[in-house]
Amino acid sequence: MGDEAVTVTLGQDEALVLFEWLHRLGEREDAWVDQAEQRAVWDLTASLEKQIETVLADDCKDQLRAARDRVRDATD
């Protein structure tokens, strides 16, 4: 295995929702069994942040709310 790259394709909405969740998870000290997990989450969060323009937008919270609505399963 080692350093072979893995590619995951996400839509912008999914990436934004995942970024926000990973960012919150990264701040929790009780979330880790091993520091390697924390490092992997930090690295993934940083990678997503580079891909998402919304993170620095003035209306980021509104865009996140809208992205969550679009990603969420429809309810009957």
PDB file of N, CA and C in Angstrom:
ATOM      1  N   MET A   1       0.833  -1.177   0.000  1.00  0.00           N
ATOM      2  CA  MET A   1       0.000   0.000   0.000  1.00  0.00           C
ATOM      3  C   MET A   1       0.883   1.247   0.000  1.00  0.00           C
ATOM      4  N   GLY A   2       1.291   1.724   1.115  1.00  0.00           N
ATOM      5  CA  GLY A   2       2.193   2.858   1.176  1.00  0.00           C
ATOM      6  C   GLY A   2       1.574   4.169   0.749  1.00  0.00           C
ATOM      7  N   ASP A   3       2.283   4.869  -0.119  1.00  0.00           N
ATOM      8  CA  ASP A   3       1.877   6.219  -0.521  1.00  0.00           C
ATOM      9  C   ASP A   3       1.122   6.266  -1.847  1.00  0.00           C
ATOM     10  N   GLU A   4       0.563   5.156  -2.286  1.00  0.00           N
ATOM     11  CA  GLU A   4      -0.203   5.157  -3.522  1.00  0.00           C
ATOM     12  C   GLU A   4      -1.428   6.043  -3.359  1.00  0.00           C
ATOM     13  N   ALA A   5      -1.683   6.887  -4.337  1.00  0.00           N
ATOM     14  CA  ALA A   5      -2.794   7.837  -4.261  1.00  0.00           C
ATOM     15  C   ALA A   5      -4.136   7.125  -4.422  1.00  0.00           C
ATOM     16  N   VAL A   6      -5.132   7.673  -3.752  1.00  0.00           N
ATOM     17  CA  VAL A   6      -6.511   7.223  -3.865  1.00  0.00           C
ATOM     18  C   VAL A   6      -7.324   8.430  -4.309  1.00  0.00           C
ATOM     19  N   THR A   7      -8.159   8.255  -5.302  1.00  0.00           N
ATOM     20  CA  THR A   7      -8.970   9.350  -5.805  1.00  0.00           C
ATOM     21  C   THR A   7     -10.429   9.104  -5.463  1.00  0.00           C
ATOM     22  N   VAL A   8     -11.061  10.120  -4.902  1.00  0.00           N
ATOM     23  CA  VAL A   8     -12.486  10.079  -4.583  1.00  0.00           C
ATOM     24  C   VAL A   8     -13.118  11.270  -5.276  1.00  0.00           C
ATOM     25  N   THR A   9     -14.207  11.043  -5.980  1.00  0.00           N
ATOM     26  CA  THR A   9     -14.879  12.123  -6.681  1.00  0.00           C
ATOM     27  C   THR A   9     -16.125  12.526  -5.910  1.00  0.00           C
ATOM     28  N   LEU A  10     -16.220  13.825  -5.599  1.00  0.00           N
ATOM     29  CA  LEU A  10     -17.359  14.374  -4.872  1.00  0.00           C
ATOM     30  C   LEU A  10     -17.899  15.569  -5.630  1.00  0.00           C
ATOM     31  N   GLY A  11     -19.189  15.789  -5.512  1.00  0.00           N
ATOM     32  CA  GLY A  11     -19.756  17.028  -6.005  1.00  0.00           C
ATOM     33  C   GLY A  11     -19.392  18.155  -5.038  1.00  0.00           C
ATOM     34  N   GLN A  12     -19.536  19.403  -5.469  1.00  0.00           N
ATOM     35  CA  GLN A  12     -19.213  20.550  -4.615  1.00  0.00           C
ATOM     36  C   GLN A  12     -20.039  20.548  -3.329  1.00  0.00           C
ATOM     37  N   ASP A  13     -21.313  20.211  -3.430  1.00  0.00           N
ATOM     38  CA  ASP A  13     -22.161  20.171  -2.237  1.00  0.00           C
ATOM     39  C   ASP A  13     -21.670  19.120  -1.250  1.00  0.00           C
ATOM     40  N   GLU A  14     -21.378  17.924  -1.749  1.00  0.00           N
ATOM     41  CA  GLU A  14     -20.873  16.860  -0.885  1.00  0.00           C
ATOM     42  C   GLU A  14     -19.538  17.252  -0.263  1.00  0.00           C
ATOM     43  N   ALA A  15     -18.683  17.855  -1.051  1.00  0.00           N
ATOM     44  CA  ALA A  15     -17.375  18.266  -0.546  1.00  0.00           C
ATOM     45  C   ALA A  15     -17.515  19.304   0.562  1.00  0.00           C
ATOM     46  N   LEU A  16     -18.424  20.249   0.400  1.00  0.00           N
ATOM     47  CA  LEU A  16     -18.620  21.276   1.413  1.00  0.00           C
ATOM     48  C   LEU A  16     -19.174  20.679   2.701  1.00  0.00           C
ATOM     49  N   VAL A  17     -20.162  19.809   2.584  1.00  0.00           N
ATOM     50  CA  VAL A  17     -20.751  19.163   3.764  1.00  0.00           C
ATOM     51  C   VAL A  17     -19.697  18.302   4.462  1.00  0.00           C
ATOM     52  N   LEU A  18     -18.933  17.531   3.706  1.00  0.00           N
ATOM     53  CA  LEU A  18     -17.885  16.691   4.275  1.00  0.00           C
ATOM     54  C   LEU A  18     -16.801  17.546   4.923  1.00  0.00           C
ATOM     55  N   PHE A  19     -16.390  18.630   4.271  1.00  0.00           N
ATOM     56  CA  PHE A  19     -15.384  19.525   4.836  1.00  0.00           C
ATOM     57  C   PHE A  19     -15.815  20.057   6.194  1.00  0.00           C
ATOM     58  N   GLU A  20     -17.036  20.530   6.291  1.00  0.00           N
ATOM     59  CA  GLU A  20     -17.527  21.099   7.546  1.00  0.00           C
ATOM     60  C   GLU A  20     -17.523  20.051   8.654  1.00  0.00           C
ATOM     61  N   TRP A  21     -17.975  18.840   8.331  1.00  0.00           N
ATOM     62  CA  TRP A  21     -18.008  17.768   9.326  1.00  0.00           C
ATOM     63  C   TRP A  21     -16.594  17.369   9.756  1.00  0.00           C
ATOM     64  N   LEU A  22     -15.698  17.214   8.795  1.00  0.00           N
ATOM     65  CA  LEU A  22     -14.323  16.858   9.124  1.00  0.00           C
ATOM     66  C   LEU A  22     -13.651  17.941   9.955  1.00  0.00           C
ATOM     67  N   HIS A  23     -13.951  19.189   9.645  1.00  0.00           N
ATOM     68  CA  HIS A  23     -13.386  20.309  10.408  1.00  0.00           C
ATOM     69  C   HIS A  23     -13.827  20.227  11.873  1.00  0.00           C
ATOM     70  N   ARG A  24     -15.110  19.965  12.091  1.00  0.00           N
ATOM     71  CA  ARG A  24     -15.604  19.819  13.474  1.00  0.00           C
ATOM     72  C   ARG A  24     -14.989  18.603  14.156  1.00  0.00           C
ATOM     73  N   LEU A  25     -14.897  17.493  13.436  1.00  0.00           N
ATOM     74  CA  LEU A  25     -14.308  16.274  13.987  1.00  0.00           C
ATOM     75  C   LEU A  25     -12.849  16.508  14.366  1.00  0.00           C
ATOM     76  N   GLY A  26     -12.130  17.245  13.536  1.00  0.00           N
ATOM     77  CA  GLY A  26     -10.719  17.502  13.777  1.00  0.00           C
ATOM     78  C   GLY A  26     -10.445  18.263  15.056  1.00  0.00           C
ATOM     79  N   GLU A  27     -11.438  18.949  15.566  1.00  0.00           N
ATOM     80  CA  GLU A  27     -11.278  19.731  16.794  1.00  0.00           C
ATOM     81  C   GLU A  27     -11.564  18.906  18.053  1.00  0.00           C
ATOM     82  N   ARG A  28     -12.082  17.713  17.896  1.00  0.00           N
ATOM     83  CA  ARG A  28     -12.446  16.868  19.052  1.00  0.00           C
ATOM     84  C   ARG A  28     -11.269  15.996  19.469  1.00  0.00           C
ATOM     85  N   GLU A  29     -10.844  16.153  20.686  1.00  0.00           N
ATOM     86  CA  GLU A  29      -9.735  15.346  21.210  1.00  0.00           C
ATOM     87  C   GLU A  29     -10.146  13.903  21.471  1.00  0.00           C
ATOM     88  N   ASP A  30     -11.427  13.664  21.728  1.00  0.00           N
ATOM     89  CA  ASP A  30     -11.888  12.317  22.075  1.00  0.00           C
ATOM     90  C   ASP A  30     -12.247  11.468  20.855  1.00  0.00           C
ATOM     91  N   ALA A  31     -12.005  11.984  19.669  1.00  0.00           N
ATOM     92  CA  ALA A  31     -12.406  11.288  18.453  1.00  0.00           C
ATOM     93  C   ALA A  31     -11.360  10.291  17.952  1.00  0.00           C
ATOM     94  N   TRP A  32     -10.166  10.292  18.537  1.00  0.00           N
ATOM     95  CA  TRP A  32      -9.051   9.559  17.957  1.00  0.00           C
ATOM     96  C   TRP A  32      -8.635   8.358  18.788  1.00  0.00           C
ATOM     97  N   VAL A  33      -8.439   7.242  18.124  1.00  0.00           N
ATOM     98  CA  VAL A  33      -7.833   6.070  18.740  1.00  0.00           C
ATOM     99  C   VAL A  33      -6.315   6.175  18.592  1.00  0.00           C
ATOM    100  N   ASP A  34      -5.885   6.772  17.486  1.00  0.00           N
ATOM    101  CA  ASP A  34      -4.465   6.915  17.183  1.00  0.00           C
ATOM    102  C   ASP A  34      -4.248   8.271  16.518  1.00  0.00           C
ATOM    103  N   GLN A  35      -3.141   8.918  16.755  1.00  0.00           N
ATOM    104  CA  GLN A  35      -2.868  10.232  16.183  1.00  0.00           C
ATOM    105  C   GLN A  35      -2.834  10.189  14.656  1.00  0.00           C
ATOM    106  N   ALA A  36      -2.549   9.036  14.082  1.00  0.00           N
ATOM    107  CA  ALA A  36      -2.546   8.900  12.626  1.00  0.00           C
ATOM    108  C   ALA A  36      -3.933   9.206  12.046  1.00  0.00           C
ATOM    109  N   GLU A  37      -4.990   8.851  12.772  1.00  0.00           N
ATOM    110  CA  GLU A  37      -6.354   9.169  12.331  1.00  0.00           C
ATOM    111  C   GLU A  37      -6.553  10.678  12.278  1.00  0.00           C
ATOM    112  N   GLN A  38      -6.086  11.356  13.308  1.00  0.00           N
ATOM    113  CA  GLN A  38      -6.196  12.812  13.357  1.00  0.00           C
ATOM    114  C   GLN A  38      -5.432  13.441  12.194  1.00  0.00           C
ATOM    115  N   ARG A  39      -4.236  12.978  11.933  1.00  0.00           N
ATOM    116  CA  ARG A  39      -3.426  13.497  10.830  1.00  0.00           C
ATOM    117  C   ARG A  39      -4.139  13.281   9.502  1.00  0.00           C
ATOM    118  N   ALA A  40      -4.722  12.096   9.301  1.00  0.00           N
ATOM    119  CA  ALA A  40      -5.425  11.809   8.048  1.00  0.00           C
ATOM    120  C   ALA A  40      -6.621  12.742   7.869  1.00  0.00           C
ATOM    121  N   VAL A  41      -7.351  12.999   8.941  1.00  0.00           N
ATOM    122  CA  VAL A  41      -8.494  13.921   8.865  1.00  0.00           C
ATOM    123  C   VAL A  41      -8.024  15.335   8.590  1.00  0.00           C
ATOM    124  N   TRP A  42      -6.969  15.771   9.268  1.00  0.00           N
ATOM    125  CA  TRP A  42      -6.433  17.117   9.017  1.00  0.00           C
ATOM    126  C   TRP A  42      -5.989  17.267   7.564  1.00  0.00           C
ATOM    127  N   ASP A  43      -5.309  16.251   7.031  1.00  0.00           N
ATOM    128  CA  ASP A  43      -4.826  16.314   5.650  1.00  0.00           C
ATOM    129  C   ASP A  43      -5.987  16.336   4.662  1.00  0.00           C
ATOM    130  N   LEU A  44      -6.995  15.517   4.898  1.00  0.00           N
ATOM    131  CA  LEU A  44      -8.161  15.499   4.018  1.00  0.00           C
ATOM    132  C   LEU A  44      -8.904  16.829   4.085  1.00  0.00           C
ATOM    133  N   THR A  45      -9.044  17.379   5.277  1.00  0.00           N
ATOM    134  CA  THR A  45      -9.707  18.670   5.440  1.00  0.00           C
ATOM    135  C   THR A  45      -8.956  19.748   4.677  1.00  0.00           C
ATOM    136  N   ALA A  46      -7.641  19.763   4.783  1.00  0.00           N
ATOM    137  CA  ALA A  46      -6.833  20.760   4.069  1.00  0.00           C
ATOM    138  C   ALA A  46      -6.966  20.594   2.561  1.00  0.00           C
ATOM    139  N   SER A  47      -7.002  19.370   2.104  1.00  0.00           N
ATOM    140  CA  SER A  47      -7.159  19.108   0.675  1.00  0.00           C
ATOM    141  C   SER A  47      -8.518  19.593   0.176  1.00  0.00           C
ATOM    142  N   LEU A  48      -9.572  19.323   0.928  1.00  0.00           N
ATOM    143  CA  LEU A  48     -10.905  19.785   0.549  1.00  0.00           C
ATOM    144  C   LEU A  48     -10.990  21.309   0.561  1.00  0.00           C
ATOM    145  N   GLU A  49     -10.355  21.924   1.553  1.00  0.00           N
ATOM    146  CA  GLU A  49     -10.406  23.381   1.668  1.00  0.00           C
ATOM    147  C   GLU A  49      -9.840  24.052   0.419  1.00  0.00           C
ATOM    148  N   LYS A  50      -8.812  23.455  -0.175  1.00  0.00           N
ATOM    149  CA  LYS A  50      -8.215  23.995  -1.402  1.00  0.00           C
ATOM    150  C   LYS A  50      -9.171  23.903  -2.591  1.00  0.00           C
ATOM    151  N   GLN A  51     -10.107  22.965  -2.530  1.00  0.00           N
ATOM    152  CA  GLN A  51     -11.013  22.706  -3.646  1.00  0.00           C
ATOM    153  C   GLN A  51     -12.337  23.463  -3.553  1.00  0.00           C
ATOM    154  N   ILE A  52     -12.639  24.006  -2.382  1.00  0.00           N
ATOM    155  CA  ILE A  52     -13.956  24.602  -2.142  1.00  0.00           C
ATOM    156  C   ILE A  52     -13.820  26.108  -1.986  1.00  0.00           C
ATOM    157  N   GLU A  53     -14.377  26.842  -2.923  1.00  0.00           N
ATOM    158  CA  GLU A  53     -14.327  28.301  -2.851  1.00  0.00           C
ATOM    159  C   GLU A  53     -15.234  28.836  -1.751  1.00  0.00           C
ATOM    160  N   THR A  54     -16.262  28.118  -1.393  1.00  0.00           N
ATOM    161  CA  THR A  54     -17.267  28.547  -0.428  1.00  0.00           C
ATOM    162  C   THR A  54     -16.690  28.816   0.954  1.00  0.00           C
ATOM    163  N   VAL A  55     -15.630  28.111   1.320  1.00  0.00           N
ATOM    164  CA  VAL A  55     -15.087  28.191   2.670  1.00  0.00           C
ATOM    165  C   VAL A  55     -14.765  29.628   3.060  1.00  0.00           C
ATOM    166  N   LEU A  56     -14.306  30.427   2.137  1.00  0.00           N
ATOM    167  CA  LEU A  56     -13.923  31.804   2.441  1.00  0.00           C
ATOM    168  C   LEU A  56     -14.991  32.827   2.056  1.00  0.00           C
ATOM    169  N   ALA A  57     -16.102  32.370   1.536  1.00  0.00           N
ATOM    170  CA  ALA A  57     -17.161  33.276   1.092  1.00  0.00           C
ATOM    171  C   ALA A  57     -17.876  33.921   2.283  1.00  0.00           C
ATOM    172  N   ASP A  58     -18.355  35.141   2.077  1.00  0.00           N
ATOM    173  CA  ASP A  58     -19.091  35.856   3.128  1.00  0.00           C
ATOM    174  C   ASP A  58     -20.356  35.111   3.535  1.00  0.00           C
ATOM    175  N   ASP A  59     -20.970  34.442   2.580  1.00  0.00           N
ATOM    176  CA  ASP A  59     -22.219  33.738   2.851  1.00  0.00           C
ATOM    177  C   ASP A  59     -22.006  32.225   3.008  1.00  0.00           C
ATOM    178  N   CYS A  60     -20.875  31.854   3.564  1.00  0.00           N
ATOM    179  CA  CYS A  60     -20.516  30.438   3.703  1.00  0.00           C
ATOM    180  C   CYS A  60     -21.581  29.647   4.458  1.00  0.00           C
ATOM    181  N   LYS A  61     -22.102  30.211   5.541  1.00  0.00           N
ATOM    182  CA  LYS A  61     -23.110  29.489   6.331  1.00  0.00           C
ATOM    183  C   LYS A  61     -24.372  29.244   5.514  1.00  0.00           C
ATOM    184  N   ASP A  62     -24.773  30.229   4.726  1.00  0.00           N
ATOM    185  CA  ASP A  62     -25.951  30.059   3.867  1.00  0.00           C
ATOM    186  C   ASP A  62     -25.691  29.006   2.800  1.00  0.00           C
ATOM    187  N   GLN A  63     -24.502  29.035   2.224  1.00  0.00           N
ATOM    188  CA  GLN A  63     -24.154  28.055   1.201  1.00  0.00           C
ATOM    189  C   GLN A  63     -24.079  26.644   1.790  1.00  0.00           C
ATOM    190  N   LEU A  64     -23.559  26.532   3.004  1.00  0.00           N
ATOM    191  CA  LEU A  64     -23.508  25.227   3.670  1.00  0.00           C
ATOM    192  C   LEU A  64     -24.915  24.711   3.928  1.00  0.00           C
ATOM    193  N   ARG A  65     -25.782  25.566   4.417  1.00  0.00           N
ATOM    194  CA  ARG A  65     -27.175  25.173   4.671  1.00  0.00           C
ATOM    195  C   ARG A  65     -27.834  24.684   3.372  1.00  0.00           C
ATOM    196  N   ALA A  66     -27.623  25.413   2.288  1.00  0.00           N
ATOM    197  CA  ALA A  66     -28.205  25.023   1.005  1.00  0.00           C
ATOM    198  C   ALA A  66     -27.600  23.710   0.502  1.00  0.00           C
ATOM    199  N   ALA A  67     -26.290  23.539   0.676  1.00  0.00           N
ATOM    200  CA  ALA A  67     -25.632  22.298   0.250  1.00  0.00           C
ATOM    201  C   ALA A  67     -26.169  21.111   1.037  1.00  0.00           C
ATOM    202  N   ARG A  68     -26.354  21.296   2.342  1.00  0.00           N
ATOM    203  CA  ARG A  68     -26.921  20.213   3.157  1.00  0.00           C
ATOM    204  C   ARG A  68     -28.312  19.840   2.674  1.00  0.00           C
ATOM    205  N   ASP A  69     -29.109  20.839   2.331  1.00  0.00           N
ATOM    206  CA  ASP A  69     -30.466  20.575   1.828  1.00  0.00           C
ATOM    207  C   ASP A  69     -30.418  19.771   0.533  1.00  0.00           C
ATOM    208  N   ARG A  70     -29.462  20.090  -0.347  1.00  0.00           N
ATOM    209  CA  ARG A  70     -29.371  19.370  -1.625  1.00  0.00           C
ATOM    210  C   ARG A  70     -28.807  17.964  -1.454  1.00  0.00           C
ATOM    211  N   VAL A  71     -27.951  17.747  -0.482  1.00  0.00           N
ATOM    212  CA  VAL A  71     -27.322  16.435  -0.284  1.00  0.00           C
ATOM    213  C   VAL A  71     -28.236  15.499   0.507  1.00  0.00           C
ATOM    214  N   ARG A  72     -28.984  16.052   1.409  1.00  0.00           N
ATOM    215  CA  ARG A  72     -29.853  15.265   2.301  1.00  0.00           C
ATOM    216  C   ARG A  72     -30.839  14.410   1.491  1.00  0.00           C
ATOM    217  N   ASP A  73     -31.129  13.208   1.993  1.00  0.00           N
ATOM    218  CA  ASP A  73     -32.151  12.362   1.376  1.00  0.00           C
ATOM    219  C   ASP A  73     -33.489  13.065   1.425  1.00  0.00           C
ATOM    220  N   ALA A  74     -34.253  12.919   0.372  1.00  0.00           N
ATOM    221  CA  ALA A  74     -35.592  13.504   0.335  1.00  0.00           C
ATOM    222  C   ALA A  74     -36.486  12.781   1.350  1.00  0.00           C
ATOM    223  N   THR A  75     -37.362  13.552   1.971  1.00  0.00           N
ATOM    224  CA  THR A  75     -38.318  12.936   2.895  1.00  0.00           C
ATOM    225  C   THR A  75     -39.697  12.996   2.286  1.00  0.00           C
ATOM    226  N   ASP A  76     -40.461  11.989   2.561  1.00  0.00           N
ATOM    227  CA  ASP A  76     -41.821  11.935   1.986  1.00  0.00           C
ATOM    228  C   ASP A  76     -42.810  12.574   2.937  1.00  0.00           C
TER     229      ASP A  76
END
